[in-house]
Protein backbone atom coordinates (compact mmCIF):
# COMPACT_ATOMS: atom_id res chain seq x y z
CA MET A 1 -24.33 -11.72 55.98
CA LEU A 2 -21.28 -12.84 53.91
CA ALA A 3 -18.20 -14.09 55.68
CA ALA A 4 -14.89 -12.30 55.09
CA ALA A 5 -13.61 -15.26 53.05
CA ASP A 6 -16.69 -15.13 50.79
CA ILE A 7 -16.27 -11.40 50.26
CA PHE A 8 -12.59 -11.91 49.39
CA ALA A 9 -13.46 -14.67 46.92
CA ALA A 10 -16.16 -12.54 45.26
CA ASN A 11 -13.84 -9.56 44.95
CA LYS A 12 -11.08 -11.81 43.60
CA GLY A 13 -13.46 -13.19 40.94
CA THR A 14 -14.53 -9.72 39.92
CA ALA A 15 -10.92 -8.60 39.69
CA MET A 16 -10.02 -11.59 37.54
CA LYS A 17 -12.91 -10.83 35.18
CA ARG A 18 -11.76 -7.23 34.88
CA LEU A 19 -8.20 -8.32 34.17
CA LEU A 20 -9.42 -10.78 31.54
CA ALA A 21 -11.60 -8.11 29.89
CA ALA A 22 -8.69 -5.67 29.90
CA ALA A 23 -6.41 -8.30 28.36
CA LEU A 24 -8.94 -9.01 25.61
CA LEU A 25 -9.34 -5.31 24.87
CA CYS A 26 -5.57 -4.90 24.73
CA ALA A 27 -5.21 -7.88 22.38
CA SER A 28 -8.00 -6.55 20.18
CA ALA A 29 -6.38 -3.10 20.04
CA THR A 30 -3.00 -4.64 19.24
CA LEU A 31 -4.52 -6.67 16.38
CA ALA A 32 -6.33 -3.62 14.99
CA GLN A 33 -3.11 -1.61 15.19
CA ALA A 34 -1.16 -4.37 13.41
CA GLN A 35 -3.77 -4.51 10.64
CA ALA A 36 -3.74 -0.73 10.33
CA GLN A 37 0.04 -0.74 10.04
CA LYS A 38 0.04 -3.31 7.24
CA SER A 39 0.87 -1.33 4.14
CA THR A 40 -1.47 -1.06 1.19
CA LEU A 41 1.39 -2.04 -1.11
CA SER A 42 1.98 -5.30 0.79
CA ILE A 43 -1.76 -6.05 0.71
CA VAL A 44 -1.90 -5.39 -3.03
CA LYS A 45 1.15 -7.57 -3.67
CA SER A 46 -0.15 -10.47 -1.58
CA ARG A 47 -3.56 -10.24 -3.24
CA GLY A 48 -1.99 -10.21 -6.68
CA GLU A 49 -4.08 -7.36 -8.05
CA LEU A 50 -4.92 -3.71 -7.49
CA ILE A 51 -8.52 -2.80 -6.63
CA CYS A 52 -9.27 0.58 -8.15
CA GLY A 53 -12.44 2.60 -7.53
CA VAL A 54 -13.61 4.19 -10.79
CA SER A 55 -16.58 5.96 -12.32
CA PRO A 56 -19.68 3.82 -13.02
CA GLY A 57 -19.25 4.80 -16.67
CA LEU A 58 -17.91 8.13 -17.91
CA ALA A 59 -16.45 8.33 -21.41
CA GLY A 60 -12.88 9.56 -21.40
CA PHE A 61 -12.26 8.75 -17.74
CA GLY A 62 -13.67 5.33 -16.89
CA LEU A 63 -15.87 3.29 -19.20
CA PRO A 64 -15.92 -0.41 -20.18
CA ASP A 65 -16.22 -1.33 -23.86
CA GLU A 66 -18.43 -4.04 -25.35
CA LYS A 67 -15.87 -6.66 -24.26
CA GLY A 68 -15.83 -5.40 -20.68
CA GLU A 69 -12.38 -3.80 -21.03
CA TRP A 70 -12.08 -0.52 -19.13
CA HIS A 71 -10.68 2.61 -20.81
CA GLY A 72 -10.08 6.23 -19.81
CA LEU A 73 -7.65 8.66 -18.22
CA ASP A 74 -8.44 7.53 -14.67
CA VAL A 75 -8.29 3.89 -15.77
CA ASP A 76 -4.83 4.44 -17.28
CA LEU A 77 -3.54 5.71 -13.95
CA CYS A 78 -4.70 2.47 -12.31
CA ARG A 79 -3.05 0.45 -15.07
CA ALA A 80 0.15 2.48 -14.63
CA ILE A 81 0.24 1.61 -10.92
CA SER A 82 -0.32 -2.06 -11.79
CA ALA A 83 2.51 -1.91 -14.34
CA ALA A 84 4.85 -0.37 -11.78
CA VAL A 85 3.98 -2.92 -9.08
CA PHE A 86 3.42 -6.13 -11.07
CA ASN A 87 5.07 -5.41 -14.44
CA ASP A 88 1.58 -6.06 -15.83
CA PRO A 89 -0.99 -3.29 -16.48
CA LYS A 90 -3.87 -5.77 -16.45
CA LYS A 91 -3.67 -6.86 -12.83
CA VAL A 92 -6.41 -4.42 -11.86
CA LYS A 93 -9.93 -5.03 -10.62
CA PHE A 94 -12.10 -2.02 -11.45
CA THR A 95 -14.87 -1.28 -8.94
CA PRO A 96 -17.51 1.20 -10.21
CA LEU A 97 -18.55 3.62 -7.46
CA SER A 98 -21.25 6.28 -7.32
CA SER A 99 -20.41 9.81 -6.19
CA LYS A 100 -22.23 9.16 -2.93
CA ASP A 101 -20.40 5.91 -2.09
CA ARG A 102 -16.87 6.53 -3.40
CA PHE A 103 -15.21 7.94 -0.27
CA THR A 104 -16.86 5.45 2.09
CA ALA A 105 -15.61 2.59 -0.10
CA LEU A 106 -12.07 3.92 0.16
CA GLN A 107 -12.27 4.54 3.90
CA SER A 108 -13.55 1.00 4.55
CA GLY A 109 -10.78 -0.63 2.49
CA GLU A 110 -13.12 -1.88 -0.22
CA VAL A 111 -10.77 -0.31 -2.77
CA ASP A 112 -7.04 0.50 -2.66
CA LEU A 113 -7.49 3.93 -4.21
CA LEU A 114 -9.99 6.12 -6.01
CA SER A 115 -9.18 7.16 -9.56
CA ARG A 116 -12.59 8.57 -10.26
CA THR A 117 -12.98 12.26 -11.24
CA SER A 118 -12.93 13.41 -7.62
CA THR A 119 -12.43 17.09 -6.86
CA TRP A 120 -9.67 18.01 -4.41
CA THR A 121 -11.17 20.31 -1.76
CA MET A 122 -10.01 21.38 1.68
CA ALA A 123 -12.87 19.63 3.47
CA ARG A 124 -12.24 16.33 1.71
CA ASP A 125 -8.51 16.63 2.28
CA THR A 126 -8.76 17.33 6.01
CA SER A 127 -11.86 15.64 7.43
CA LEU A 128 -12.25 12.23 5.76
CA GLY A 129 -8.97 10.54 6.66
CA LEU A 130 -8.06 10.66 2.97
CA ALA A 131 -5.37 12.34 0.88
CA PHE A 132 -5.29 13.51 -2.74
CA ALA A 133 -2.17 12.24 -4.48
CA GLY A 134 -2.05 14.81 -7.29
CA VAL A 135 -4.13 16.33 -10.07
CA ASN A 136 -4.43 14.31 -13.27
CA TYR A 137 -7.08 16.59 -14.79
CA TYR A 138 -7.75 20.30 -14.22
CA ASP A 139 -11.45 20.93 -14.77
CA GLY A 140 -14.25 23.39 -14.03
CA GLN A 141 -18.01 23.17 -13.62
CA ALA A 142 -20.23 24.19 -16.53
CA PHE A 143 -23.82 23.88 -17.83
CA LEU A 144 -25.33 21.85 -20.67
CA VAL A 145 -28.51 23.20 -22.29
CA GLN A 146 -30.65 22.41 -25.31
CA LYS A 147 -30.01 24.84 -28.17
CA LYS A 148 -33.75 25.45 -28.52
CA LEU A 149 -33.72 27.09 -25.08
CA GLY A 150 -31.97 30.03 -26.72
CA VAL A 151 -29.52 30.51 -23.87
CA ASP A 152 -25.88 31.36 -24.59
CA SER A 153 -24.72 32.21 -21.07
CA ALA A 154 -25.21 30.74 -17.60
CA LEU A 155 -26.23 34.21 -16.45
CA LYS A 156 -29.42 33.78 -18.49
CA LEU A 157 -30.56 30.75 -16.47
CA ASN A 158 -32.59 32.79 -13.98
CA GLY A 159 -35.50 30.66 -12.75
CA ALA A 160 -34.23 27.56 -14.54
CA SER A 161 -34.47 24.02 -13.20
CA ILE A 162 -31.00 22.47 -12.92
CA CYS A 163 -30.28 18.72 -12.97
CA LEU A 164 -27.28 17.72 -10.83
CA GLN A 165 -25.76 14.78 -8.97
CA GLN A 166 -25.96 14.32 -5.21
CA GLY A 167 -22.81 13.90 -3.14
CA THR A 168 -20.68 16.11 -5.41
CA THR A 169 -19.17 19.58 -5.24
CA THR A 170 -21.60 20.67 -7.98
CA GLU A 171 -24.43 21.28 -5.50
CA LEU A 172 -22.50 23.87 -3.50
CA ASN A 173 -20.97 25.46 -6.61
CA VAL A 174 -24.38 26.00 -8.21
CA ALA A 175 -25.78 27.49 -5.01
CA ASP A 176 -22.79 29.84 -4.73
CA TYR A 177 -22.96 30.90 -8.38
CA PHE A 178 -26.67 31.69 -8.45
CA ARG A 179 -26.57 33.48 -5.09
CA GLN A 180 -23.52 35.53 -6.12
CA ASN A 181 -25.24 36.62 -9.33
CA ASN A 182 -28.58 37.25 -7.61
CA ILE A 183 -30.52 34.81 -9.80
CA LYS A 184 -32.78 31.92 -8.82
CA TYR A 185 -32.89 28.26 -9.79
CA GLU A 186 -34.65 25.02 -8.91
CA PRO A 187 -32.36 22.04 -8.13
CA VAL A 188 -33.38 18.60 -9.41
CA THR A 189 -31.03 16.06 -7.82
CA PHE A 190 -30.08 12.52 -8.86
CA ASP A 191 -27.80 9.80 -7.53
CA LYS A 192 -26.08 9.02 -10.84
CA GLY A 193 -24.97 10.90 -13.93
CA ASP A 194 -26.95 8.62 -16.24
CA GLU A 195 -30.15 9.45 -14.34
CA ALA A 196 -29.43 13.17 -14.63
CA ILE A 197 -28.78 13.08 -18.40
CA LYS A 198 -32.00 11.10 -18.99
CA ALA A 199 -33.96 13.64 -16.97
CA PHE A 200 -32.36 16.47 -18.92
CA GLU A 201 -33.18 14.84 -22.24
CA SER A 202 -36.79 14.21 -21.21
CA GLY A 203 -37.24 17.86 -20.31
CA ARG A 204 -37.45 17.51 -16.54
CA CYS A 205 -34.90 20.28 -16.21
CA ASP A 206 -33.70 23.21 -18.33
CA ALA A 207 -29.99 22.61 -17.77
CA LEU A 208 -27.59 19.93 -16.58
CA THR A 209 -24.54 20.89 -14.57
CA ASP A 210 -21.35 18.92 -13.93
CA ASP A 211 -17.64 19.18 -14.58
CA SER A 212 -17.11 20.44 -18.12
CA SER A 213 -15.34 17.22 -19.14
CA ALA A 214 -18.21 15.12 -17.77
CA LEU A 215 -20.75 17.18 -19.73
CA TYR A 216 -18.94 16.45 -23.00
CA ALA A 217 -19.08 12.75 -22.11
CA LEU A 218 -22.72 12.83 -21.01
CA LYS A 219 -23.69 14.78 -24.13
CA LEU A 220 -22.67 11.77 -26.24
CA LYS A 221 -25.42 9.75 -24.56
CA LEU A 222 -28.16 12.03 -25.93
CA VAL A 223 -30.23 10.75 -28.84
CA LYS A 224 -29.43 14.03 -30.60
CA PRO A 225 -26.14 15.28 -29.09
CA ASP A 226 -25.79 18.08 -31.65
CA ASP A 227 -28.99 19.66 -30.30
CA ALA A 228 -27.26 20.54 -27.01
CA ILE A 229 -24.38 22.87 -26.16
CA VAL A 230 -22.03 23.36 -23.23
CA LEU A 231 -22.20 26.98 -22.10
CA PRO A 232 -18.86 28.83 -22.04
CA GLU A 233 -18.68 29.81 -18.37
CA LEU A 234 -16.70 27.74 -15.88
CA ILE A 235 -18.13 28.52 -12.46
CA SER A 236 -15.59 26.69 -10.31
CA LYS A 237 -12.15 25.16 -9.99
CA GLU A 238 -12.30 21.36 -10.15
CA PRO A 239 -8.84 19.80 -9.70
CA LEU A 240 -9.49 16.08 -10.21
CA GLY A 241 -7.11 13.42 -9.00
CA PRO A 242 -6.48 10.06 -7.32
CA VAL A 243 -7.34 9.63 -3.63
CA VAL A 244 -5.83 7.29 -1.02
CA ARG A 245 -6.15 6.72 2.72
CA SER A 246 -4.00 9.28 4.54
CA ALA A 247 -2.76 6.78 7.14
CA ASP A 248 -0.54 5.03 4.58
CA HIS A 249 2.01 7.63 3.52
CA ASP A 250 4.12 5.13 1.59
CA TRP A 251 1.17 4.22 -0.66
CA PHE A 252 0.41 7.93 -1.04
CA ASN A 253 3.97 8.46 -2.27
CA LEU A 254 3.76 5.56 -4.72
CA VAL A 255 0.50 6.73 -6.32
CA LYS A 256 1.75 10.33 -6.46
CA TRP A 257 5.02 9.41 -8.15
CA VAL A 258 3.35 7.15 -10.71
CA HIS A 259 1.46 10.23 -11.94
CA PHE A 260 4.62 12.37 -11.78
CA ALA A 261 6.55 9.74 -13.75
CA MET A 262 3.99 9.90 -16.56
CA VAL A 263 4.19 13.71 -16.66
CA ASN A 264 8.00 13.72 -16.54
CA ALA A 265 8.13 11.12 -19.31
CA GLU A 266 6.06 13.35 -21.59
CA GLU A 267 8.23 16.36 -20.83
CA LEU A 268 11.40 14.35 -21.56
CA GLY A 269 9.97 12.92 -24.78
CA VAL A 270 9.90 9.31 -23.55
CA THR A 271 7.02 7.41 -25.17
CA GLN A 272 5.72 3.87 -25.51
CA ALA A 273 7.29 3.68 -28.95
CA ASN A 274 10.79 4.86 -27.97
CA ALA A 275 11.07 3.67 -24.34
CA ASP A 276 13.46 0.84 -25.24
CA GLN A 277 15.65 3.14 -27.31
CA GLN A 278 15.70 5.71 -24.49
CA LEU A 279 17.29 3.14 -22.17
CA ASN A 280 20.54 4.02 -23.95
CA SER A 281 20.07 7.78 -23.51
CA THR A 282 22.92 9.82 -22.05
CA ASN A 283 20.44 12.40 -20.66
CA PRO A 284 20.79 12.09 -16.86
CA GLU A 285 17.12 12.91 -16.27
CA ILE A 286 15.98 10.17 -18.64
CA ARG A 287 18.42 7.70 -17.11
CA ARG A 288 17.07 8.40 -13.62
CA LEU A 289 13.47 8.14 -14.86
CA LEU A 290 14.04 4.78 -16.53
CA GLY A 291 16.03 3.31 -13.65
CA LYS A 292 19.44 3.24 -15.30
CA ASP A 293 20.97 5.54 -12.67
CA GLY A 294 20.12 5.77 -8.98
CA LYS A 295 17.84 3.70 -6.75
CA PHE A 296 14.69 5.78 -6.83
CA GLY A 297 12.37 2.79 -7.17
CA GLU A 298 13.49 1.50 -3.77
CA ALA A 299 12.22 4.70 -2.13
CA ILE A 300 8.64 3.73 -3.03
CA GLY A 301 8.98 -0.01 -2.60
CA LEU A 302 9.42 -0.81 -6.29
CA THR A 303 12.08 -2.08 -8.69
CA PRO A 304 14.54 0.30 -10.41
CA ASP A 305 12.67 0.04 -13.72
CA TRP A 306 9.27 1.03 -12.23
CA ALA A 307 8.85 4.11 -14.46
CA TYR A 308 10.10 2.29 -17.56
CA ARG A 309 7.35 -0.29 -16.98
CA ILE A 310 4.76 2.48 -16.81
CA VAL A 311 5.78 4.21 -20.03
CA LYS A 312 6.40 1.01 -21.98
CA GLN A 313 3.10 -0.62 -21.01
CA VAL A 314 0.75 2.36 -20.56
CA GLY A 315 2.42 5.46 -21.99
CA ASN A 316 3.29 8.93 -20.79
CA TYR A 317 0.68 11.45 -19.57
CA GLY A 318 0.25 13.07 -22.98
CA GLU A 319 -0.37 9.72 -24.67
CA ALA A 320 -2.97 8.77 -22.06
CA PHE A 321 -4.66 12.18 -22.39
CA GLU A 322 -4.85 12.14 -26.18
CA ARG A 323 -6.36 8.66 -26.52
CA SER A 324 -8.77 9.13 -23.58
CA VAL A 325 -10.13 12.67 -23.83
CA GLY A 326 -8.02 14.46 -26.45
CA ALA A 327 -7.74 14.52 -30.21
CA GLY A 328 -7.68 10.74 -30.51
CA SER A 329 -10.88 10.29 -28.51
CA VAL A 330 -14.58 10.84 -29.15
CA LEU A 331 -14.52 13.82 -26.76
CA LYS A 332 -11.75 15.72 -28.58
CA ILE A 333 -11.08 18.05 -25.66
CA ALA A 334 -8.17 20.48 -26.13
CA ARG A 335 -5.24 20.10 -23.72
CA GLY A 336 -5.74 23.64 -22.36
CA LYS A 337 -4.92 23.78 -18.65
CA ASN A 338 -3.88 20.13 -18.80
CA ASP A 339 -0.95 20.78 -21.10
CA LEU A 340 2.59 20.72 -19.74
CA TRP A 341 3.75 23.79 -17.80
CA SER A 342 6.36 24.36 -20.52
CA LYS A 343 3.53 24.72 -23.07
CA GLY A 344 1.31 27.05 -21.05
CA GLY A 345 -0.57 24.42 -19.05
CA LEU A 346 -0.60 23.42 -15.39
CA GLN A 347 0.82 19.90 -15.52
CA TYR A 348 4.11 20.12 -13.66
CA ALA A 349 5.96 17.26 -11.99
CA PRO A 350 8.83 17.45 -9.49
CA PRO A 351 12.09 15.99 -10.82
CA ILE A 352 13.31 12.47 -10.10
CA ARG A 353 16.65 13.09 -8.41
């Protein structure tokens, strides 16, 4: 039987261990909280480059050329952020991410943001700890078929096998569309777009479905691209845009306003070619945009000339659109819904004031 002194000593030792464990847990929690509170902007600045999650290779949005240089609408948004932060659009590391891995990579901190044809949905916006910072391309899901199939409408795809990517909104959209129209289909799923287009070309499926813009890009990879057509129906709304971690509201604001600056620049007629000349403009909106009046850059942790850097080094939204997916690109997609609101489109940016 233990003496009272022994019992006291044992209890004292146990108490000390519990106090030590509690102290360690508290210190660990404090460290985790401090790391969580460290802003993405400060991490990017200390690292000296932006890490941007992009498509593994989609013409018009994110694709490296033969020299390894990345090009595309989503790529230009990353370069615009780099220009605003570093006064250098090339301080970007592009990390190709599959549809399945993209959100996990952002959540884990592997990348600073996603600029990778990601559809803004309620579930993604509310359940992943992420936030969409705008829409840089308004899209819709469509179908690609071989002309020899003799199909001119998605409603004629009853019983067809459909190639599609896993981990995307396309799976649910296809299921909804075929159920709503009381027709049947057979899904053939793949992890990557390149795998799906190869399967389509080899005849493993009757149709390939994806965002309309992606289908125009994937069509170029066919040996005989003119033998295939994109059917006219759009079966969904696909607002595509950059994604950030929702815990860092300041970074969310920065990414959002970089896109808005590009849209406002187009609306105000400020281009790469005339940005220097526009520094002398008497238009108050242009002066605020280019940092001549006000301290709007400070509100997002940047210098007064943050938007001037973007337009001078990357261009306005219209310039990025035209060279990436528009008339100056291999895709030659019409502006359509992605035109400015003043020209019948949906691109509309809040004012800088």
